[in-house]
Protein backbone atom coordinates (compact mmCIF):
# COMPACT_ATOMS: atom_id res chain seq x y z
CA MET A 1 210.55 47.46 109.70
CA ALA A 2 208.76 50.47 111.06
CA GLY A 3 205.76 51.47 108.99
CA ARG A 4 202.30 52.82 109.42
CA HIS A 5 201.05 49.47 110.75
CA SER A 6 203.45 49.45 113.70
CA ARG A 7 200.96 51.51 115.78
CA ARG A 8 198.07 49.10 115.38
CA GLY A 9 198.47 47.66 118.89
CA ARG A 10 197.96 51.00 120.63
CA LEU A 11 194.94 51.85 118.48
CA THR A 12 193.31 48.48 119.17
CA GLU A 13 193.74 48.93 122.93
CA TRP A 14 192.17 52.40 122.70
CA CYS A 15 189.17 51.06 120.72
CA ARG A 16 188.59 48.32 123.28
CA SER A 17 188.67 50.82 126.15
CA GLN A 18 186.11 53.01 124.34
CA GLY A 19 183.82 50.05 123.61
CA SER A 20 182.67 49.54 127.18
CA ALA A 21 181.95 53.26 127.59
CA ALA A 22 179.87 53.27 124.40
CA ARG A 23 177.87 50.26 125.63
CA ASP A 24 177.16 51.98 128.94
CA ARG A 25 175.97 55.14 127.15
CA SER A 26 173.62 53.13 124.90
CA ARG A 27 172.04 51.43 127.90
CA SER A 28 171.26 54.74 129.57
CA ARG A 29 169.31 56.13 126.59
CA LEU A 30 165.61 55.37 126.36
CA THR A 31 163.66 55.03 123.15
CA GLY A 32 159.97 54.50 122.52
CA VAL A 33 158.86 51.32 120.74
CA THR A 34 155.24 50.59 119.82
CA ASP A 35 154.00 47.06 120.58
CA ALA A 36 152.42 45.43 117.52
CA GLY A 37 149.78 43.61 119.59
CA THR A 38 148.51 46.43 121.77
CA LEU A 39 149.73 49.54 119.87
CA ILE A 40 150.97 50.94 123.19
CA LYS A 41 154.36 52.70 123.27
CA HIS A 42 156.88 51.23 125.72
CA LEU A 43 160.32 52.56 126.61
CA MET A 44 163.44 50.47 126.04
CA THR A 45 167.10 50.91 126.76
CA GLY A 46 169.76 50.63 124.09
CA GLY A 47 170.85 47.35 125.68
CA ALA A 48 167.40 45.72 125.54
CA THR A 49 167.72 42.06 124.62
CA SER A 50 165.44 39.81 122.62
CA ASP A 51 163.88 36.68 124.12
CA GLY A 52 164.72 34.74 120.95
CA ARG A 53 161.30 35.15 119.34
CA GLY A 54 161.59 38.80 118.29
CA ARG A 55 160.15 40.24 121.49
CA TYR A 56 162.13 42.70 123.60
CA ILE A 57 161.94 43.46 127.31
CA ALA A 58 160.72 47.01 128.01
CA VAL A 59 161.71 49.12 131.02
CA CYS A 60 158.41 48.19 132.71
CA GLY A 61 159.11 44.45 132.20
CA ALA A 62 156.61 43.88 129.39
CA ARG A 63 157.60 41.74 126.40
CA VAL A 64 157.20 43.91 123.30
CA LEU A 65 156.93 42.83 119.67
CA PRO A 66 158.05 45.93 117.74
CA ALA A 67 155.47 47.27 115.30
CA VAL A 68 156.10 48.74 111.87
CA LEU A 69 157.26 52.36 112.19
CA SER A 70 154.27 53.63 110.23
CA MET A 71 151.73 52.16 112.69
CA PRO A 72 150.10 54.78 114.91
CA GLU A 73 150.36 54.32 118.66
CA SER A 74 147.29 54.43 120.88
CA GLY A 75 149.03 55.71 124.00
CA CYS A 76 151.99 55.28 126.33
CA CYS A 77 152.45 52.56 128.92
CA PRO A 78 151.69 54.07 132.36
CA ALA A 79 154.51 52.08 133.99
CA CYS A 80 157.02 53.31 131.41
CA ALA A 81 155.82 56.92 131.70
CA GLY A 82 157.59 57.22 135.05
CA PHE A 83 160.94 56.48 133.40
CA ASP A 84 160.57 59.07 130.60
CA PRO A 85 163.55 61.47 130.68
């Protein structure tokens, strides 16, 4: 029986092929995250991973515990400043 669900296979393949491209784009974007301990802004990629305790690895290699968005930052990490787009 041919119905609207007969095309699901082609759509699923297309979504899978677009998934890897979307992951690559998210890794190339940098975003600033303020560390709760030092109040210094570090840059992170979209693919930054947690170490299991809520800390993320910044572009400069520092482990960052994200602060509340309303906390003011006291400056930018000098090592991360070289990566700023």
